[in-house]
Each structure stands twice: as structure tokens, then as C-alpha cells.
Amino acid sequence: MPVFRGATRADVPAVCDLLADDVLGRTREGAVSAHYLSAFDAMQAEGQNHLIVAEAQGRIVACYQITFISGLSLSAARRAQIEGVRVASDQRGHGLGEALIRDAEARARAAGCGLIQFTTNRSREDAHRFYDRMGFTPSHIGYKKPL
């Protein structure tokens, strides 16, 4: 099983490859450029925003972003927001996704979070079934608006 660790700047190209390695990512992600590296630097500077990678045999095979958010709602529950969950296409179906979610849950608990949340595209029906199996509930409707 891969080792999950915080990403380094040197991992950004491999993460960008993972983000582009799916139906939706092919249309919205591009080659590694200065703006991806600047975004990684900004995430690092924020302190509560982490890019996590799974490495196996010297290769990045999965990734996710986790952000810890303090707030007042839900009795001042601290929450973890996960984004950019990706598993390399040749690694799917072997339990890596489950390990990735378990890693995110462990990090969220360690950060004092009482809730973990994310959004997923409506078209990702396989992902929906996976998240259902992992114990997540599709409890909210998400909205996005480009700025």
C-alpha cells in the first residue's frame, strides 16, 4: 500500500497529471505552469490547507487536498473540506481510494474536526457509489458560481 504524505513543490507536476487523468479533468486542467506552482505556494502559506499525495514505488498514485475550517455553525464544529480526490487510472479498483479516504478522516480527526465534507460533480456516478460505501451521506445540494 502506498505511503500518504504531505506534498512537496516537486510533486506538483505529478498531481497535475492526476487531476487531468479523468473525463472532467481533461477539459479543465493544463500542463504544469507557474500558476499551479503559485497556488501550491499559497496553500502552503495558509497553514490549514494541505495537499496530500500517496506514493508507491517512487510514483505519485493518488492525491487529495484537505482544508481545516473553523466556524460557528453546528455548535462551532471544526470541519475538514476535501477536494481534488484522484487515484491514478491504472490504480483504481484495488482499495487505494478507500485508503485515501481513511487517511483524510484520520487527519481530520487529528485536527479536531467533527465533520468531513466535499462536493462531487453530478456526473461522477461511480464516485457517488464509492462515497456511499464509505459512509458519506449526500445531505446537501452544492452550488458554484464562477467569479
N, C-alpha and C. Protein backbone atom coordinates (compact mmCIF):
# COMPACT_ATOMS: atom_id res chain seq x y z
N MET A 1 0.85 -1.18 0.00
CA MET A 1 0.00 0.00 0.00
C MET A 1 0.89 1.23 0.00
N PRO A 2 0.49 2.26 -0.69
CA PRO A 2 1.29 3.48 -0.75
C PRO A 2 1.40 4.19 0.60
N VAL A 3 2.35 5.08 0.67
CA VAL A 3 2.54 5.93 1.84
C VAL A 3 1.88 7.27 1.53
N PHE A 4 1.05 7.75 2.46
CA PHE A 4 0.43 9.07 2.32
C PHE A 4 1.30 10.08 3.04
N ARG A 5 1.55 11.21 2.37
CA ARG A 5 2.41 12.24 2.96
C ARG A 5 2.02 13.60 2.40
N GLY A 6 2.45 14.65 3.08
CA GLY A 6 2.26 15.99 2.55
C GLY A 6 3.06 16.16 1.27
N ALA A 7 2.45 16.80 0.30
CA ALA A 7 3.11 17.02 -0.99
C ALA A 7 4.20 18.07 -0.86
N THR A 8 5.17 17.97 -1.74
CA THR A 8 6.20 19.00 -1.87
C THR A 8 5.98 19.71 -3.20
N ARG A 9 6.66 20.79 -3.37
CA ARG A 9 6.56 21.54 -4.63
C ARG A 9 6.96 20.65 -5.81
N ALA A 10 7.90 19.76 -5.59
CA ALA A 10 8.35 18.85 -6.66
C ALA A 10 7.27 17.86 -7.08
N ASP A 11 6.26 17.66 -6.22
CA ASP A 11 5.16 16.74 -6.54
C ASP A 11 4.09 17.37 -7.41
N VAL A 12 4.09 18.68 -7.56
CA VAL A 12 3.01 19.38 -8.28
C VAL A 12 2.81 18.85 -9.70
N PRO A 13 3.85 18.60 -10.49
CA PRO A 13 3.59 18.06 -11.83
C PRO A 13 2.85 16.72 -11.80
N ALA A 14 3.22 15.83 -10.90
CA ALA A 14 2.54 14.53 -10.81
C ALA A 14 1.09 14.71 -10.38
N VAL A 15 0.83 15.63 -9.47
CA VAL A 15 -0.55 15.90 -9.04
C VAL A 15 -1.36 16.47 -10.20
N CYS A 16 -0.77 17.38 -10.95
CA CYS A 16 -1.47 17.93 -12.12
C CYS A 16 -1.81 16.84 -13.13
N ASP A 17 -0.91 15.88 -13.30
CA ASP A 17 -1.19 14.73 -14.17
C ASP A 17 -2.39 13.95 -13.66
N LEU A 18 -2.46 13.73 -12.34
CA LEU A 18 -3.61 13.02 -11.77
C LEU A 18 -4.90 13.80 -11.97
N LEU A 19 -4.85 15.12 -11.76
CA LEU A 19 -6.05 15.94 -11.93
C LEU A 19 -6.57 15.90 -13.36
N ALA A 20 -5.66 15.78 -14.31
CA ALA A 20 -6.04 15.75 -15.72
C ALA A 20 -6.42 14.34 -16.19
N ASP A 21 -6.18 13.33 -15.35
CA ASP A 21 -6.38 11.94 -15.74
C ASP A 21 -7.80 11.46 -15.46
N ASP A 22 -8.79 12.23 -15.90
CA ASP A 22 -10.17 11.77 -15.85
C ASP A 22 -11.00 12.57 -16.84
N VAL A 23 -12.23 12.16 -17.02
CA VAL A 23 -13.09 12.76 -18.05
C VAL A 23 -13.25 14.26 -17.87
N LEU A 24 -13.51 14.70 -16.65
CA LEU A 24 -13.70 16.14 -16.41
C LEU A 24 -12.37 16.88 -16.41
N GLY A 25 -11.35 16.28 -15.82
CA GLY A 25 -10.06 16.94 -15.72
C GLY A 25 -9.41 17.22 -17.06
N ARG A 26 -9.65 16.36 -18.03
CA ARG A 26 -9.06 16.57 -19.37
C ARG A 26 -9.48 17.90 -19.98
N THR A 27 -10.66 18.36 -19.61
CA THR A 27 -11.18 19.59 -20.22
C THR A 27 -10.86 20.84 -19.41
N ARG A 28 -10.39 20.67 -18.16
CA ARG A 28 -10.21 21.88 -17.34
C ARG A 28 -8.82 22.03 -16.74
N GLU A 29 -7.97 21.03 -16.86
CA GLU A 29 -6.61 21.13 -16.33
C GLU A 29 -5.63 21.25 -17.49
N GLY A 30 -4.50 21.86 -17.19
CA GLY A 30 -3.50 22.04 -18.23
C GLY A 30 -2.14 21.57 -17.76
N ALA A 31 -1.16 21.82 -18.60
CA ALA A 31 0.21 21.46 -18.27
C ALA A 31 0.66 22.29 -17.06
N VAL A 32 1.60 21.74 -16.32
CA VAL A 32 2.12 22.45 -15.16
C VAL A 32 2.70 23.78 -15.61
N SER A 33 2.28 24.81 -14.94
CA SER A 33 2.78 26.15 -15.25
C SER A 33 2.95 26.90 -13.94
N ALA A 34 3.38 28.14 -14.07
CA ALA A 34 3.65 28.95 -12.89
C ALA A 34 2.43 29.11 -12.00
N HIS A 35 1.22 29.14 -12.59
CA HIS A 35 0.05 29.35 -11.73
C HIS A 35 -0.24 28.15 -10.83
N TYR A 36 0.06 26.93 -11.25
CA TYR A 36 -0.09 25.77 -10.37
C TYR A 36 0.92 25.84 -9.22
N LEU A 37 2.15 26.21 -9.55
CA LEU A 37 3.17 26.33 -8.52
C LEU A 37 2.86 27.46 -7.55
N SER A 38 2.35 28.58 -8.05
CA SER A 38 1.95 29.68 -7.17
C SER A 38 0.80 29.27 -6.26
N ALA A 39 -0.15 28.50 -6.80
CA ALA A 39 -1.27 28.02 -6.00
C ALA A 39 -0.76 27.10 -4.88
N PHE A 40 0.19 26.22 -5.21
CA PHE A 40 0.76 25.34 -4.19
C PHE A 40 1.44 26.17 -3.10
N ASP A 41 2.21 27.17 -3.50
CA ASP A 41 2.89 28.04 -2.53
C ASP A 41 1.88 28.74 -1.62
N ALA A 42 0.77 29.21 -2.19
CA ALA A 42 -0.27 29.87 -1.40
C ALA A 42 -0.90 28.89 -0.41
N MET A 43 -1.15 27.66 -0.87
CA MET A 43 -1.70 26.65 0.03
C MET A 43 -0.77 26.41 1.21
N GLN A 44 0.51 26.30 0.94
CA GLN A 44 1.50 26.07 1.99
C GLN A 44 1.49 27.23 3.00
N ALA A 45 1.36 28.44 2.50
CA ALA A 45 1.40 29.62 3.36
C ALA A 45 0.16 29.73 4.24
N GLU A 46 -0.96 29.16 3.81
CA GLU A 46 -2.21 29.28 4.56
C GLU A 46 -2.20 28.48 5.86
N GLY A 47 -1.43 27.44 5.93
CA GLY A 47 -1.29 26.69 7.17
C GLY A 47 -2.34 25.62 7.43
N GLN A 48 -3.57 25.82 7.01
CA GLN A 48 -4.64 24.84 7.25
C GLN A 48 -5.11 24.19 5.96
N ASN A 49 -4.34 24.34 4.90
CA ASN A 49 -4.69 23.88 3.56
C ASN A 49 -3.55 22.98 3.08
N HIS A 50 -3.84 21.68 2.92
CA HIS A 50 -2.77 20.72 2.68
C HIS A 50 -3.05 19.88 1.43
N LEU A 51 -2.03 19.66 0.66
CA LEU A 51 -2.08 18.74 -0.47
C LEU A 51 -1.40 17.46 -0.01
N ILE A 52 -2.14 16.36 -0.10
CA ILE A 52 -1.64 15.07 0.35
C ILE A 52 -1.48 14.17 -0.87
N VAL A 53 -0.37 13.45 -0.93
CA VAL A 53 -0.14 12.51 -2.02
C VAL A 53 0.07 11.11 -1.45
N ALA A 54 -0.24 10.12 -2.29
CA ALA A 54 0.07 8.72 -1.99
C ALA A 54 1.19 8.32 -2.93
N GLU A 55 2.26 7.82 -2.37
CA GLU A 55 3.42 7.44 -3.17
C GLU A 55 3.66 5.94 -3.03
N ALA A 56 3.85 5.29 -4.17
CA ALA A 56 4.16 3.86 -4.20
C ALA A 56 5.29 3.64 -5.20
N GLN A 57 6.34 3.01 -4.76
CA GLN A 57 7.48 2.69 -5.62
C GLN A 57 8.00 3.92 -6.38
N GLY A 58 8.08 5.04 -5.65
CA GLY A 58 8.62 6.26 -6.23
C GLY A 58 7.67 7.02 -7.14
N ARG A 59 6.42 6.61 -7.21
CA ARG A 59 5.43 7.24 -8.11
C ARG A 59 4.26 7.77 -7.29
N ILE A 60 3.79 8.97 -7.63
CA ILE A 60 2.59 9.53 -7.02
C ILE A 60 1.39 8.86 -7.69
N VAL A 61 0.58 8.13 -6.89
CA VAL A 61 -0.52 7.36 -7.45
C VAL A 61 -1.90 7.86 -7.03
N ALA A 62 -1.95 8.81 -6.10
CA ALA A 62 -3.22 9.38 -5.67
C ALA A 62 -2.94 10.70 -4.96
N CYS A 63 -4.00 11.51 -4.83
CA CYS A 63 -3.85 12.79 -4.14
C CYS A 63 -5.20 13.28 -3.65
N TYR A 64 -5.15 14.20 -2.74
CA TYR A 64 -6.33 14.96 -2.32
C TYR A 64 -5.85 16.22 -1.60
N GLN A 65 -6.72 17.18 -1.54
CA GLN A 65 -6.48 18.42 -0.81
C GLN A 65 -7.40 18.42 0.39
N ILE A 66 -6.89 18.78 1.55
CA ILE A 66 -7.72 18.87 2.75
C ILE A 66 -7.48 20.22 3.41
N THR A 67 -8.58 20.88 3.72
CA THR A 67 -8.53 22.19 4.35
C THR A 67 -9.32 22.11 5.65
N PHE A 68 -8.75 22.60 6.72
CA PHE A 68 -9.42 22.60 8.03
C PHE A 68 -10.05 23.97 8.25
N ILE A 69 -11.34 23.96 8.58
CA ILE A 69 -12.13 25.19 8.66
C ILE A 69 -12.77 25.27 10.04
N SER A 70 -12.51 26.37 10.72
CA SER A 70 -13.20 26.65 11.99
C SER A 70 -14.43 27.48 11.68
N GLY A 71 -15.48 27.28 12.45
CA GLY A 71 -16.72 28.03 12.21
C GLY A 71 -17.63 27.97 13.42
N LEU A 72 -18.75 28.68 13.30
CA LEU A 72 -19.70 28.73 14.39
C LEU A 72 -20.87 27.77 14.23
N SER A 73 -21.22 27.41 12.99
CA SER A 73 -22.38 26.56 12.78
C SER A 73 -22.13 25.15 13.30
N LEU A 74 -23.19 24.41 13.50
CA LEU A 74 -23.13 23.05 14.06
C LEU A 74 -22.42 23.06 15.41
N SER A 75 -22.82 24.00 16.25
CA SER A 75 -22.23 24.13 17.60
C SER A 75 -20.73 24.36 17.54
N ALA A 76 -20.31 25.20 16.62
CA ALA A 76 -18.90 25.58 16.45
C ALA A 76 -18.03 24.39 16.05
N ALA A 77 -18.59 23.51 15.24
CA ALA A 77 -17.84 22.35 14.79
C ALA A 77 -16.73 22.76 13.83
N ARG A 78 -15.57 22.22 14.04
CA ARG A 78 -14.46 22.37 13.09
C ARG A 78 -14.69 21.31 12.02
N ARG A 79 -14.47 21.66 10.77
CA ARG A 79 -14.72 20.71 9.69
C ARG A 79 -13.52 20.62 8.76
N ALA A 80 -13.49 19.52 8.05
CA ALA A 80 -12.47 19.32 7.03
C ALA A 80 -13.17 19.29 5.69
N GLN A 81 -12.63 20.03 4.75
CA GLN A 81 -13.13 20.07 3.38
C GLN A 81 -12.11 19.34 2.52
N ILE A 82 -12.56 18.32 1.77
CA ILE A 82 -11.64 17.65 0.87
C ILE A 82 -12.00 17.98 -0.56
N GLU A 83 -10.99 18.09 -1.39
CA GLU A 83 -11.12 18.47 -2.79
C GLU A 83 -10.09 17.69 -3.60
N GLY A 84 -10.28 17.70 -4.89
CA GLY A 84 -9.26 17.16 -5.80
C GLY A 84 -8.87 15.72 -5.51
N VAL A 85 -9.84 14.91 -5.13
CA VAL A 85 -9.56 13.49 -4.84
C VAL A 85 -9.33 12.77 -6.16
N ARG A 86 -8.15 12.19 -6.31
CA ARG A 86 -7.83 11.48 -7.55
C ARG A 86 -7.00 10.24 -7.24
N VAL A 87 -7.28 9.18 -7.98
CA VAL A 87 -6.49 7.96 -7.96
C VAL A 87 -6.09 7.69 -9.40
N ALA A 88 -4.83 7.39 -9.64
CA ALA A 88 -4.34 7.11 -11.00
C ALA A 88 -5.23 6.04 -11.64
N SER A 89 -5.55 6.23 -12.90
CA SER A 89 -6.49 5.33 -13.57
C SER A 89 -6.04 3.87 -13.53
N ASP A 90 -4.75 3.61 -13.57
CA ASP A 90 -4.28 2.22 -13.54
C ASP A 90 -4.23 1.65 -12.12
N GLN A 91 -4.59 2.45 -11.12
CA GLN A 91 -4.57 2.01 -9.73
C GLN A 91 -5.98 1.86 -9.14
N ARG A 92 -7.01 2.19 -9.91
CA ARG A 92 -8.38 2.13 -9.41
C ARG A 92 -8.85 0.70 -9.26
N GLY A 93 -9.71 0.49 -8.27
CA GLY A 93 -10.28 -0.82 -8.06
C GLY A 93 -9.45 -1.75 -7.19
N HIS A 94 -8.42 -1.20 -6.52
CA HIS A 94 -7.53 -2.03 -5.69
C HIS A 94 -7.50 -1.58 -4.24
N GLY A 95 -8.46 -0.75 -3.82
CA GLY A 95 -8.53 -0.32 -2.42
C GLY A 95 -7.80 0.96 -2.10
N LEU A 96 -7.15 1.57 -3.09
CA LEU A 96 -6.41 2.80 -2.83
C LEU A 96 -7.35 3.96 -2.47
N GLY A 97 -8.50 4.05 -3.12
CA GLY A 97 -9.45 5.11 -2.80
C GLY A 97 -9.93 5.03 -1.36
N GLU A 98 -10.20 3.81 -0.91
CA GLU A 98 -10.62 3.63 0.49
C GLU A 98 -9.50 4.05 1.43
N ALA A 99 -8.28 3.67 1.13
CA ALA A 99 -7.14 4.07 1.97
C ALA A 99 -6.99 5.58 1.98
N LEU A 100 -7.22 6.21 0.85
CA LEU A 100 -7.12 7.67 0.75
C LEU A 100 -8.15 8.34 1.65
N ILE A 101 -9.39 7.88 1.59
CA ILE A 101 -10.45 8.47 2.43
C ILE A 101 -10.15 8.21 3.91
N ARG A 102 -9.68 7.05 4.24
CA ARG A 102 -9.34 6.75 5.64
C ARG A 102 -8.21 7.67 6.12
N ASP A 103 -7.26 7.95 5.25
CA ASP A 103 -6.18 8.88 5.60
C ASP A 103 -6.75 10.27 5.85
N ALA A 104 -7.64 10.73 4.98
CA ALA A 104 -8.25 12.05 5.16
C ALA A 104 -9.04 12.10 6.47
N GLU A 105 -9.78 11.05 6.77
CA GLU A 105 -10.55 11.02 8.02
C GLU A 105 -9.63 11.08 9.23
N ALA A 106 -8.53 10.35 9.20
CA ALA A 106 -7.59 10.36 10.31
C ALA A 106 -6.98 11.74 10.50
N ARG A 107 -6.62 12.39 9.40
CA ARG A 107 -6.07 13.75 9.51
C ARG A 107 -7.10 14.73 10.05
N ALA A 108 -8.36 14.56 9.62
CA ALA A 108 -9.43 15.44 10.10
C ALA A 108 -9.65 15.26 11.60
N ARG A 109 -9.69 14.03 12.05
CA ARG A 109 -9.85 13.77 13.49
C ARG A 109 -8.68 14.36 14.28
N ALA A 110 -7.47 14.17 13.78
CA ALA A 110 -6.28 14.68 14.47
C ALA A 110 -6.30 16.21 14.55
N ALA A 111 -6.95 16.86 13.59
CA ALA A 111 -7.04 18.32 13.58
C ALA A 111 -8.25 18.82 14.39
N GLY A 112 -8.95 17.91 15.05
CA GLY A 112 -10.07 18.30 15.90
C GLY A 112 -11.38 18.51 15.15
N CYS A 113 -11.49 17.96 13.96
CA CYS A 113 -12.71 18.14 13.16
C CYS A 113 -13.78 17.15 13.59
N GLY A 114 -15.02 17.62 13.57
CA GLY A 114 -16.16 16.77 13.87
C GLY A 114 -16.94 16.38 12.63
N LEU A 115 -16.48 16.86 11.47
CA LEU A 115 -17.20 16.64 10.22
C LEU A 115 -16.22 16.71 9.06
N ILE A 116 -16.41 15.85 8.08
CA ILE A 116 -15.63 15.93 6.85
C ILE A 116 -16.63 16.08 5.71
N GLN A 117 -16.34 16.95 4.78
CA GLN A 117 -17.28 17.25 3.71
C GLN A 117 -16.55 17.47 2.40
N PHE A 118 -17.31 17.39 1.31
CA PHE A 118 -16.77 17.63 -0.02
C PHE A 118 -17.91 17.82 -0.98
N THR A 119 -17.58 18.26 -2.17
CA THR A 119 -18.54 18.27 -3.26
C THR A 119 -18.02 17.33 -4.33
N THR A 120 -18.92 16.82 -5.14
CA THR A 120 -18.53 15.97 -6.25
C THR A 120 -19.45 16.28 -7.42
N ASN A 121 -18.93 16.21 -8.60
CA ASN A 121 -19.71 16.52 -9.78
C ASN A 121 -20.85 15.52 -9.94
N ARG A 122 -22.01 16.02 -10.34
CA ARG A 122 -23.19 15.16 -10.51
C ARG A 122 -22.94 14.00 -11.47
N SER A 123 -22.06 14.20 -12.44
CA SER A 123 -21.83 13.17 -13.46
C SER A 123 -20.95 12.02 -12.97
N ARG A 124 -20.36 12.13 -11.81
CA ARG A 124 -19.44 11.11 -11.30
C ARG A 124 -20.20 10.01 -10.54
N GLU A 125 -21.00 9.26 -11.27
CA GLU A 125 -21.85 8.25 -10.63
C GLU A 125 -21.05 7.15 -9.94
N ASP A 126 -19.94 6.73 -10.51
CA ASP A 126 -19.09 5.73 -9.84
C ASP A 126 -18.57 6.28 -8.52
N ALA A 127 -18.17 7.54 -8.53
CA ALA A 127 -17.68 8.17 -7.29
C ALA A 127 -18.80 8.25 -6.25
N HIS A 128 -20.01 8.54 -6.68
CA HIS A 128 -21.13 8.62 -5.74
C HIS A 128 -21.33 7.28 -5.03
N ARG A 129 -21.30 6.20 -5.79
CA ARG A 129 -21.44 4.87 -5.19
C ARG A 129 -20.29 4.59 -4.21
N PHE A 130 -19.10 4.99 -4.58
CA PHE A 130 -17.94 4.81 -3.71
C PHE A 130 -18.13 5.58 -2.40
N TYR A 131 -18.50 6.84 -2.47
CA TYR A 131 -18.68 7.65 -1.26
C TYR A 131 -19.81 7.12 -0.40
N ASP A 132 -20.88 6.62 -1.02
CA ASP A 132 -21.95 5.98 -0.26
C ASP A 132 -21.40 4.79 0.53
N ARG A 133 -20.60 3.95 -0.13
CA ARG A 133 -19.99 2.79 0.54
C ARG A 133 -19.08 3.22 1.69
N MET A 134 -18.47 4.38 1.57
CA MET A 134 -17.55 4.86 2.60
C MET A 134 -18.27 5.53 3.76
N GLY A 135 -19.61 5.57 3.71
CA GLY A 135 -20.38 6.10 4.83
C GLY A 135 -20.76 7.57 4.72
N PHE A 136 -20.50 8.20 3.59
CA PHE A 136 -20.89 9.59 3.40
C PHE A 136 -22.36 9.65 3.01
N THR A 137 -23.02 10.75 3.35
CA THR A 137 -24.42 10.96 3.03
C THR A 137 -24.54 12.17 2.12
N PRO A 138 -25.25 12.04 1.00
CA PRO A 138 -25.46 13.21 0.12
C PRO A 138 -26.54 14.12 0.72
N SER A 139 -26.18 14.85 1.76
CA SER A 139 -27.15 15.59 2.58
C SER A 139 -27.44 17.00 2.10
N HIS A 140 -26.62 17.54 1.21
CA HIS A 140 -26.78 18.93 0.81
C HIS A 140 -26.74 19.05 -0.71
N ILE A 141 -27.23 20.14 -1.20
CA ILE A 141 -27.10 20.49 -2.61
C ILE A 141 -26.01 21.55 -2.68
N GLY A 142 -25.03 21.35 -3.54
CA GLY A 142 -23.94 22.32 -3.67
C GLY A 142 -24.17 23.25 -4.85
N TYR A 143 -23.76 24.48 -4.67
CA TYR A 143 -23.86 25.48 -5.73
C TYR A 143 -22.48 26.08 -5.96
N LYS A 144 -22.20 26.40 -7.20
CA LYS A 144 -20.95 27.07 -7.55
C LYS A 144 -21.26 28.18 -8.54
N LYS A 145 -20.47 29.22 -8.49
CA LYS A 145 -20.63 30.35 -9.41
C LYS A 145 -19.25 30.86 -9.78
N PRO A 146 -18.91 30.81 -11.04
CA PRO A 146 -17.61 31.37 -11.45
C PRO A 146 -17.53 32.87 -11.16
N LEU A 147 -16.39 33.32 -10.73
CA LEU A 147 -16.19 34.76 -10.47
C LEU A 147 -15.20 35.34 -11.45
